[in-house]
Amino acid sequence: MRWQTKWRMSEHLPGNRRIPSSLIKESMDLIKKEEWSPKQISGYLKLQGKEISHEKIYQLIRSDESGELASHCRHRMKYRRHKSSSAPA
C-alpha cells in the first residue's frame, strides 16, 4: 500500500512527466514547417490543451544530432559570449 502512494505521488512531480511522442512530433513539425520559436510552440499547444515547456523543446533541439532542428530556429541555437574588456592598468 505504501509503495502505491509513493508511485502516485511520483507521477505528479514536475521532473517525472513523460511527454507523449505525438506531442514531441507535433512540436518538431512546427519548428520545421512554421519555423516558430519554442515559446510560440509552447503557447500554441497550451491553447489546444496540451502542455510542453519551452525549455523541454530547447532540450529536444539541442539533442538533435543532425542539426536540422537548430537550422530552423531563428538564432540557429548560437550562444554568444560577451568579450570581457581587459583594460591595461
PDB file of N, CA and C in Angstrom:
ATOM      1  N   MET A   1       0.818  -1.194   0.000  1.00  0.00           N
ATOM      2  CA  MET A   1       0.000   0.000   0.000  1.00  0.00           C
ATOM      3  C   MET A   1       0.862   1.257   0.000  1.00  0.00           C
ATOM      4  N   ARG A   2       1.934   1.240   0.761  1.00  0.00           N
ATOM      5  CA  ARG A   2       2.795   2.404   0.865  1.00  0.00           C
ATOM      6  C   ARG A   2       3.478   2.715  -0.471  1.00  0.00           C
ATOM      7  N   TRP A   3       3.924   1.679  -1.192  1.00  0.00           N
ATOM      8  CA  TRP A   3       4.595   1.909  -2.480  1.00  0.00           C
ATOM      9  C   TRP A   3       3.633   2.470  -3.507  1.00  0.00           C
ATOM     10  N   GLN A   4       2.336   2.122  -3.411  1.00  0.00           N
ATOM     11  CA  GLN A   4       1.355   2.657  -4.350  1.00  0.00           C
ATOM     12  C   GLN A   4       1.177   4.156  -4.145  1.00  0.00           C
ATOM     13  N   THR A   5       1.201   4.602  -2.915  1.00  0.00           N
ATOM     14  CA  THR A   5       1.089   6.027  -2.625  1.00  0.00           C
ATOM     15  C   THR A   5       2.298   6.777  -3.173  1.00  0.00           C
ATOM     16  N   LYS A   6       3.491   6.230  -2.957  1.00  0.00           N
ATOM     17  CA  LYS A   6       4.700   6.869  -3.473  1.00  0.00           C
ATOM     18  C   LYS A   6       4.688   6.888  -4.997  1.00  0.00           C
ATOM     19  N   TRP A   7       4.209   5.818  -5.586  1.00  0.00           N
ATOM     20  CA  TRP A   7       4.158   5.751  -7.049  1.00  0.00           C
ATOM     21  C   TRP A   7       3.218   6.815  -7.602  1.00  0.00           C
ATOM     22  N   ARG A   8       2.052   6.991  -6.966  1.00  0.00           N
ATOM     23  CA  ARG A   8       1.099   8.014  -7.409  1.00  0.00           C
ATOM     24  C   ARG A   8       1.672   9.411  -7.217  1.00  0.00           C
ATOM     25  N   MET A   9       2.388   9.621  -6.126  1.00  0.00           N
ATOM     26  CA  MET A   9       2.983  10.932  -5.872  1.00  0.00           C
ATOM     27  C   MET A   9       4.073  11.237  -6.896  1.00  0.00           C
ATOM     28  N   SER A  10       4.821  10.238  -7.300  1.00  0.00           N
ATOM     29  CA  SER A  10       5.903  10.471  -8.249  1.00  0.00           C
ATOM     30  C   SER A  10       5.382  10.865  -9.626  1.00  0.00           C
ATOM     31  N   GLU A  11       4.147  10.517  -9.934  1.00  0.00           N
ATOM     32  CA  GLU A  11       3.565  10.908 -11.216  1.00  0.00           C
ATOM     33  C   GLU A  11       3.296  12.400 -11.279  1.00  0.00           C
ATOM     34  N   HIS A  12       3.158  13.043 -10.142  1.00  0.00           N
ATOM     35  CA  HIS A  12       2.792  14.447 -10.106  1.00  0.00           C
ATOM     36  C   HIS A  12       3.998  15.371  -9.947  1.00  0.00           C
ATOM     37  N   LEU A  13       5.173  14.831  -9.783  1.00  0.00           N
ATOM     38  CA  LEU A  13       6.347  15.679  -9.661  1.00  0.00           C
ATOM     39  C   LEU A  13       6.739  16.205 -11.036  1.00  0.00           C
ATOM     40  N   PRO A  14       7.166  17.459 -11.120  1.00  0.00           N
ATOM     41  CA  PRO A  14       7.464  18.058 -12.422  1.00  0.00           C
ATOM     42  C   PRO A  14       8.524  17.316 -13.221  1.00  0.00           C
ATOM     43  N   GLY A  15       9.539  16.787 -12.569  1.00  0.00           N
ATOM     44  CA  GLY A  15      10.617  16.126 -13.286  1.00  0.00           C
ATOM     45  C   GLY A  15      10.258  14.743 -13.808  1.00  0.00           C
ATOM     46  N   ASN A  16       9.125  14.218 -13.397  1.00  0.00           N
ATOM     47  CA  ASN A  16       8.773  12.863 -13.780  1.00  0.00           C
ATOM     48  C   ASN A  16       7.713  12.799 -14.859  1.00  0.00           C
ATOM     49  N   ARG A  17       7.475  13.877 -15.527  1.00  0.00           N
ATOM     50  CA  ARG A  17       6.455  13.865 -16.569  1.00  0.00           C
ATOM     51  C   ARG A  17       7.020  13.291 -17.851  1.00  0.00           C
ATOM     52  N   ARG A  18       6.278  12.403 -18.436  1.00  0.00           N
ATOM     53  CA  ARG A  18       6.668  11.835 -19.717  1.00  0.00           C
ATOM     54  C   ARG A  18       5.845  12.527 -20.786  1.00  0.00           C
ATOM     55  N   ILE A  19       6.511  13.017 -21.801  1.00  0.00           N
ATOM     56  CA  ILE A  19       5.828  13.742 -22.870  1.00  0.00           C
ATOM     57  C   ILE A  19       5.497  12.743 -23.968  1.00  0.00           C
ATOM     58  N   PRO A  20       4.252  12.695 -24.401  1.00  0.00           N
ATOM     59  CA  PRO A  20       3.872  11.758 -25.465  1.00  0.00           C
ATOM     60  C   PRO A  20       4.636  12.033 -26.753  1.00  0.00           C
ATOM     61  N   SER A  21       4.971  10.976 -27.460  1.00  0.00           N
ATOM     62  CA  SER A  21       5.735  11.129 -28.696  1.00  0.00           C
ATOM     63  C   SER A  21       4.954  11.913 -29.747  1.00  0.00           C
ATOM     64  N   SER A  22       3.624  11.844 -29.702  1.00  0.00           N
ATOM     65  CA  SER A  22       2.826  12.611 -30.654  1.00  0.00           C
ATOM     66  C   SER A  22       2.982  14.109 -30.411  1.00  0.00           C
ATOM     67  N   LEU A  23       3.112  14.506 -29.154  1.00  0.00           N
ATOM     68  CA  LEU A  23       3.298  15.920 -28.828  1.00  0.00           C
ATOM     69  C   LEU A  23       4.691  16.391 -29.238  1.00  0.00           C
ATOM     70  N   ILE A  24       5.676  15.539 -29.056  1.00  0.00           N
ATOM     71  CA  ILE A  24       7.034  15.873 -29.486  1.00  0.00           C
ATOM     72  C   ILE A  24       7.079  16.017 -30.999  1.00  0.00           C
ATOM     73  N   LYS A  25       6.441  15.088 -31.702  1.00  0.00           N
ATOM     74  CA  LYS A  25       6.422  15.147 -33.168  1.00  0.00           C
ATOM     75  C   LYS A  25       5.714  16.408 -33.651  1.00  0.00           C
ATOM     76  N   GLU A  26       4.616  16.769 -33.007  1.00  0.00           N
ATOM     77  CA  GLU A  26       3.873  17.965 -33.405  1.00  0.00           C
ATOM     78  C   GLU A  26       4.716  19.227 -33.198  1.00  0.00           C
ATOM     79  N   SER A  27       5.427  19.296 -32.078  1.00  0.00           N
ATOM     80  CA  SER A  27       6.254  20.472 -31.827  1.00  0.00           C
ATOM     81  C   SER A  27       7.442  20.531 -32.783  1.00  0.00           C
ATOM     82  N   MET A  28       8.017  19.385 -33.135  1.00  0.00           N
ATOM     83  CA  MET A  28       9.126  19.378 -34.090  1.00  0.00           C
ATOM     84  C   MET A  28       8.645  19.765 -35.498  1.00  0.00           C
ATOM     85  N   ASP A  29       7.433  19.346 -35.844  1.00  0.00           N
ATOM     86  CA  ASP A  29       6.869  19.749 -37.142  1.00  0.00           C
ATOM     87  C   ASP A  29       6.647  21.253 -37.201  1.00  0.00           C
ATOM     88  N   LEU A  30       6.217  21.847 -36.092  1.00  0.00           N
ATOM     89  CA  LEU A  30       6.010  23.289 -36.064  1.00  0.00           C
ATOM     90  C   LEU A  30       7.332  24.042 -36.205  1.00  0.00           C
ATOM     91  N   ILE A  31       8.399  23.471 -35.666  1.00  0.00           N
ATOM     92  CA  ILE A  31       9.714  24.102 -35.828  1.00  0.00           C
ATOM     93  C   ILE A  31      10.146  24.025 -37.285  1.00  0.00           C
ATOM     94  N   LYS A  32       9.996  22.860 -37.892  1.00  0.00           N
ATOM     95  CA  LYS A  32      10.477  22.660 -39.255  1.00  0.00           C
ATOM     96  C   LYS A  32       9.637  23.397 -40.292  1.00  0.00           C
ATOM     97  N   LYS A  33       8.319  23.319 -40.169  1.00  0.00           N
ATOM     98  CA  LYS A  33       7.452  23.876 -41.212  1.00  0.00           C
ATOM     99  C   LYS A  33       7.135  25.349 -40.999  1.00  0.00           C
ATOM    100  N   GLU A  34       6.816  25.720 -39.765  1.00  0.00           N
ATOM    101  CA  GLU A  34       6.404  27.096 -39.483  1.00  0.00           C
ATOM    102  C   GLU A  34       7.551  27.966 -38.991  1.00  0.00           C
ATOM    103  N   GLU A  35       8.662  27.319 -38.574  1.00  0.00           N
ATOM    104  CA  GLU A  35       9.827  27.994 -38.008  1.00  0.00           C
ATOM    105  C   GLU A  35       9.438  28.866 -36.817  1.00  0.00           C
ATOM    106  N   TRP A  36       8.604  28.309 -35.934  1.00  0.00           N
ATOM    107  CA  TRP A  36       8.203  29.000 -34.725  1.00  0.00           C
ATOM    108  C   TRP A  36       9.259  28.814 -33.648  1.00  0.00           C
ATOM    109  N   SER A  37       9.289  29.740 -32.720  1.00  0.00           N
ATOM    110  CA  SER A  37      10.188  29.613 -31.579  1.00  0.00           C
ATOM    111  C   SER A  37       9.575  28.640 -30.569  1.00  0.00           C
ATOM    112  N   PRO A  38      10.398  28.064 -29.693  1.00  0.00           N
ATOM    113  CA  PRO A  38       9.863  27.156 -28.676  1.00  0.00           C
ATOM    114  C   PRO A  38       8.800  27.799 -27.784  1.00  0.00           C
ATOM    115  N   LYS A  39       8.931  29.104 -27.494  1.00  0.00           N
ATOM    116  CA  LYS A  39       7.906  29.771 -26.684  1.00  0.00           C
ATOM    117  C   LYS A  39       6.593  29.873 -27.450  1.00  0.00           C
ATOM    118  N   GLN A  40       6.660  30.148 -28.750  1.00  0.00           N
ATOM    119  CA  GLN A  40       5.446  30.207 -29.558  1.00  0.00           C
ATOM    120  C   GLN A  40       4.764  28.844 -29.612  1.00  0.00           C
ATOM    121  N   ILE A  41       5.551  27.799 -29.779  1.00  0.00           N
ATOM    122  CA  ILE A  41       5.014  26.441 -29.849  1.00  0.00           C
ATOM    123  C   ILE A  41       4.365  26.065 -28.526  1.00  0.00           C
ATOM    124  N   SER A  42       5.050  26.369 -27.425  1.00  0.00           N
ATOM    125  CA  SER A  42       4.519  26.048 -26.110  1.00  0.00           C
ATOM    126  C   SER A  42       3.189  26.764 -25.864  1.00  0.00           C
ATOM    127  N   GLY A  43       3.108  28.030 -26.235  1.00  0.00           N
ATOM    128  CA  GLY A  43       1.870  28.787 -26.062  1.00  0.00           C
ATOM    129  C   GLY A  43       0.746  28.280 -26.941  1.00  0.00           C
ATOM    130  N   TYR A  44       1.071  27.950 -28.186  1.00  0.00           N
ATOM    131  CA  TYR A  44       0.070  27.446 -29.128  1.00  0.00           C
ATOM    132  C   TYR A  44      -0.507  26.115 -28.654  1.00  0.00           C
ATOM    133  N   LEU A  45       0.366  25.223 -28.214  1.00  0.00           N
ATOM    134  CA  LEU A  45      -0.099  23.915 -27.749  1.00  0.00           C
ATOM    135  C   LEU A  45      -0.872  24.025 -26.439  1.00  0.00           C
ATOM    136  N   LYS A  46      -0.520  25.013 -25.615  1.00  0.00           N
ATOM    137  CA  LYS A  46      -1.255  25.209 -24.373  1.00  0.00           C
ATOM    138  C   LYS A  46      -2.692  25.644 -24.659  1.00  0.00           C
ATOM    139  N   LEU A  47      -2.875  26.445 -25.709  1.00  0.00           N
ATOM    140  CA  LEU A  47      -4.223  26.852 -26.104  1.00  0.00           C
ATOM    141  C   LEU A  47      -5.051  25.655 -26.570  1.00  0.00           C
ATOM    142  N   GLN A  48      -4.382  24.629 -27.078  1.00  0.00           N
ATOM    143  CA  GLN A  48      -5.063  23.422 -27.522  1.00  0.00           C
ATOM    144  C   GLN A  48      -5.248  22.408 -26.393  1.00  0.00           C
ATOM    145  N   GLY A  49      -4.801  22.762 -25.194  1.00  0.00           N
ATOM    146  CA  GLY A  49      -4.955  21.862 -24.048  1.00  0.00           C
ATOM    147  C   GLY A  49      -3.808  20.884 -23.881  1.00  0.00           C
ATOM    148  N   LYS A  50      -2.715  21.101 -24.580  1.00  0.00           N
ATOM    149  CA  LYS A  50      -1.543  20.230 -24.471  1.00  0.00           C
ATOM    150  C   LYS A  50      -0.424  21.039 -23.834  1.00  0.00           C
ATOM    151  N   GLU A  51       0.307  20.419 -22.921  1.00  0.00           N
ATOM    152  CA  GLU A  51       1.352  21.158 -22.232  1.00  0.00           C
ATOM    153  C   GLU A  51       2.723  20.586 -22.508  1.00  0.00           C
ATOM    154  N   ILE A  52       3.624  21.478 -22.909  1.00  0.00           N
ATOM    155  CA  ILE A  52       5.042  21.172 -23.041  1.00  0.00           C
ATOM    156  C   ILE A  52       5.767  22.488 -22.804  1.00  0.00           C
ATOM    157  N   SER A  53       6.818  22.459 -22.027  1.00  0.00           N
ATOM    158  CA  SER A  53       7.514  23.697 -21.713  1.00  0.00           C
ATOM    159  C   SER A  53       8.462  24.076 -22.843  1.00  0.00           C
ATOM    160  N   HIS A  54       8.742  25.366 -22.946  1.00  0.00           N
ATOM    161  CA  HIS A  54       9.664  25.809 -23.980  1.00  0.00           C
ATOM    162  C   HIS A  54      11.066  25.285 -23.702  1.00  0.00           C
ATOM    163  N   GLU A  55      11.408  25.080 -22.431  1.00  0.00           N
ATOM    164  CA  GLU A  55      12.725  24.537 -22.108  1.00  0.00           C
ATOM    165  C   GLU A  55      12.870  23.096 -22.591  1.00  0.00           C
ATOM    166  N   LYS A  56      11.812  22.309 -22.494  1.00  0.00           N
ATOM    167  CA  LYS A  56      11.851  20.935 -22.989  1.00  0.00           C
ATOM    168  C   LYS A  56      12.053  20.925 -24.502  1.00  0.00           C
ATOM    169  N   ILE A  57      11.430  21.870 -25.193  1.00  0.00           N
ATOM    170  CA  ILE A  57      11.600  21.953 -26.643  1.00  0.00           C
ATOM    171  C   ILE A  57      13.049  22.320 -26.971  1.00  0.00           C
ATOM    172  N   TYR A  58      13.644  23.250 -26.199  1.00  0.00           N
ATOM    173  CA  TYR A  58      15.056  23.583 -26.409  1.00  0.00           C
ATOM    174  C   TYR A  58      15.942  22.360 -26.161  1.00  0.00           C
ATOM    175  N   GLN A  59      15.605  21.553 -25.153  1.00  0.00           N
ATOM    176  CA  GLN A  59      16.382  20.338 -24.886  1.00  0.00           C
ATOM    177  C   GLN A  59      16.304  19.377 -26.069  1.00  0.00           C
ATOM    178  N   LEU A  60      15.124  19.272 -26.661  1.00  0.00           N
ATOM    179  CA  LEU A  60      14.961  18.387 -27.817  1.00  0.00           C
ATOM    180  C   LEU A  60      15.758  18.894 -29.010  1.00  0.00           C
ATOM    181  N   ILE A  61      15.801  20.210 -29.187  1.00  0.00           N
ATOM    182  CA  ILE A  61      16.566  20.788 -30.295  1.00  0.00           C
ATOM    183  C   ILE A  61      18.051  20.520 -30.095  1.00  0.00           C
ATOM    184  N   ARG A  62      18.525  20.724 -28.853  1.00  0.00           N
ATOM    185  CA  ARG A  62      19.947  20.501 -28.575  1.00  0.00           C
ATOM    186  C   ARG A  62      20.331  19.032 -28.719  1.00  0.00           C
ATOM    187  N   SER A  63      19.410  18.129 -28.432  1.00  0.00           N
ATOM    188  CA  SER A  63      19.733  16.702 -28.511  1.00  0.00           C
ATOM    189  C   SER A  63      19.650  16.152 -29.929  1.00  0.00           C
ATOM    190  N   ASP A  64      19.157  16.954 -30.879  1.00  0.00           N
ATOM    191  CA  ASP A  64      19.066  16.520 -32.270  1.00  0.00           C
ATOM    192  C   ASP A  64      20.466  16.448 -32.860  1.00  0.00           C
ATOM    193  N   GLU A  65      20.915  15.260 -33.209  1.00  0.00           N
ATOM    194  CA  GLU A  65      22.276  15.068 -33.697  1.00  0.00           C
ATOM    195  C   GLU A  65      22.484  15.570 -35.124  1.00  0.00           C
ATOM    196  N   SER A  66      21.425  15.588 -35.921  1.00  0.00           N
ATOM    197  CA  SER A  66      21.575  16.017 -37.311  1.00  0.00           C
ATOM    198  C   SER A  66      21.734  17.531 -37.431  1.00  0.00           C
ATOM    199  N   GLY A  67      21.240  18.283 -36.446  1.00  0.00           N
ATOM    200  CA  GLY A  67      21.328  19.735 -36.503  1.00  0.00           C
ATOM    201  C   GLY A  67      20.240  20.369 -37.345  1.00  0.00           C
ATOM    202  N   GLU A  68      19.316  19.551 -37.841  1.00  0.00           N
ATOM    203  CA  GLU A  68      18.248  20.065 -38.699  1.00  0.00           C
ATOM    204  C   GLU A  68      17.315  20.991 -37.932  1.00  0.00           C
ATOM    205  N   LEU A  69      16.969  20.615 -36.707  1.00  0.00           N
ATOM    206  CA  LEU A  69      16.057  21.443 -35.924  1.00  0.00           C
ATOM    207  C   LEU A  69      16.688  22.785 -35.581  1.00  0.00           C
ATOM    208  N   ALA A  70      17.964  22.778 -35.246  1.00  0.00           N
ATOM    209  CA  ALA A  70      18.655  24.024 -34.921  1.00  0.00           C
ATOM    210  C   ALA A  70      18.726  24.943 -36.129  1.00  0.00           C
ATOM    211  N   SER A  71      18.809  24.368 -37.322  1.00  0.00           N
ATOM    212  CA  SER A  71      18.883  25.203 -38.525  1.00  0.00           C
ATOM    213  C   SER A  71      17.558  25.900 -38.815  1.00  0.00           C
ATOM    214  N   HIS A  72      16.465  25.399 -38.268  1.00  0.00           N
ATOM    215  CA  HIS A  72      15.168  26.034 -38.472  1.00  0.00           C
ATOM    216  C   HIS A  72      14.846  27.076 -37.399  1.00  0.00           C
ATOM    217  N   CYS A  73      15.670  27.153 -36.348  1.00  0.00           N
ATOM    218  CA  CYS A  73      15.477  28.187 -35.335  1.00  0.00           C
ATOM    219  C   CYS A  73      16.023  29.506 -35.865  1.00  0.00           C
ATOM    220  N   ARG A  74      15.420  30.579 -35.440  1.00  0.00           N
ATOM    221  CA  ARG A  74      15.844  31.889 -35.939  1.00  0.00           C
ATOM    222  C   ARG A  74      17.272  32.209 -35.557  1.00  0.00           C
ATOM    223  N   HIS A  75      17.675  31.853 -34.361  1.00  0.00           N
ATOM    224  CA  HIS A  75      19.023  32.182 -33.900  1.00  0.00           C
ATOM    225  C   HIS A  75      19.991  31.026 -34.085  1.00  0.00           C
ATOM    226  N   ARG A  76      19.540  29.958 -34.714  1.00  0.00           N
ATOM    227  CA  ARG A  76      20.362  28.788 -35.049  1.00  0.00           C
ATOM    228  C   ARG A  76      21.029  28.171 -33.822  1.00  0.00           C
ATOM    229  N   MET A  77      20.438  28.407 -32.645  1.00  0.00           N
ATOM    230  CA  MET A  77      20.934  27.869 -31.373  1.00  0.00           C
ATOM    231  C   MET A  77      22.384  28.298 -31.102  1.00  0.00           C
ATOM    232  N   LYS A  78      22.722  29.495 -31.518  1.00  0.00           N
ATOM    233  CA  LYS A  78      24.053  30.030 -31.232  1.00  0.00           C
ATOM    234  C   LYS A  78      24.003  30.739 -29.887  1.00  0.00           C
ATOM    235  N   TYR A  79      25.036  30.563 -29.143  1.00  0.00           N
ATOM    236  CA  TYR A  79      25.132  31.234 -27.861  1.00  0.00           C
ATOM    237  C   TYR A  79      26.310  32.195 -27.939  1.00  0.00           C
ATOM    238  N   ARG A  80      26.036  33.413 -27.607  1.00  0.00           N
ATOM    239  CA  ARG A  80      27.076  34.438 -27.701  1.00  0.00           C
ATOM    240  C   ARG A  80      27.636  34.727 -26.318  1.00  0.00           C
ATOM    241  N   ARG A  81      28.921  34.918 -26.287  1.00  0.00           N
ATOM    242  CA  ARG A  81      29.574  35.325 -25.049  1.00  0.00           C
ATOM    243  C   ARG A  81      30.134  36.725 -25.269  1.00  0.00           C
ATOM    244  N   HIS A  82      29.942  37.544 -24.288  1.00  0.00           N
ATOM    245  CA  HIS A  82      30.489  38.900 -24.379  1.00  0.00           C
ATOM    246  C   HIS A  82      31.962  38.841 -24.060  1.00  0.00           C
ATOM    247  N   LYS A  83      32.723  39.551 -24.862  1.00  0.00           N
ATOM    248  CA  LYS A  83      34.152  39.603 -24.596  1.00  0.00           C
ATOM    249  C   LYS A  83      34.386  40.497 -23.398  1.00  0.00           C
ATOM    250  N   SER A  84      35.179  40.023 -22.497  1.00  0.00           N
ATOM    251  CA  SER A  84      35.477  40.846 -21.339  1.00  0.00           C
ATOM    252  C   SER A  84      36.534  41.865 -21.738  1.00  0.00           C
ATOM    253  N   SER A  85      36.298  43.070 -21.327  1.00  0.00           N
ATOM    254  CA  SER A  85      37.248  44.131 -21.681  1.00  0.00           C
ATOM    255  C   SER A  85      38.406  44.074 -20.706  1.00  0.00           C
ATOM    256  N   SER A  86      39.558  43.934 -21.247  1.00  0.00           N
ATOM    257  CA  SER A  86      40.752  43.889 -20.387  1.00  0.00           C
ATOM    258  C   SER A  86      41.488  45.212 -20.562  1.00  0.00           C
ATOM    259  N   ALA A  87      41.195  46.130 -19.691  1.00  0.00           N
ATOM    260  CA  ALA A  87      41.810  47.445 -19.743  1.00  0.00           C
ATOM    261  C   ALA A  87      43.167  47.380 -19.059  1.00  0.00           C
ATOM    262  N   PRO A  88      44.179  47.978 -19.686  1.00  0.00           N
ATOM    263  CA  PRO A  88      45.505  47.961 -19.054  1.00  0.00           C
ATOM    264  C   PRO A  88      45.490  48.812 -17.787  1.00  0.00           C
ATOM    265  N   ALA A  89      46.226  48.344 -16.809  1.00  0.00           N
ATOM    266  CA  ALA A  89      46.253  49.047 -15.507  1.00  0.00           C
ATOM    267  C   ALA A  89      47.237  50.166 -15.480  1.00  0.00           C
TER     268      ALA A  89
END
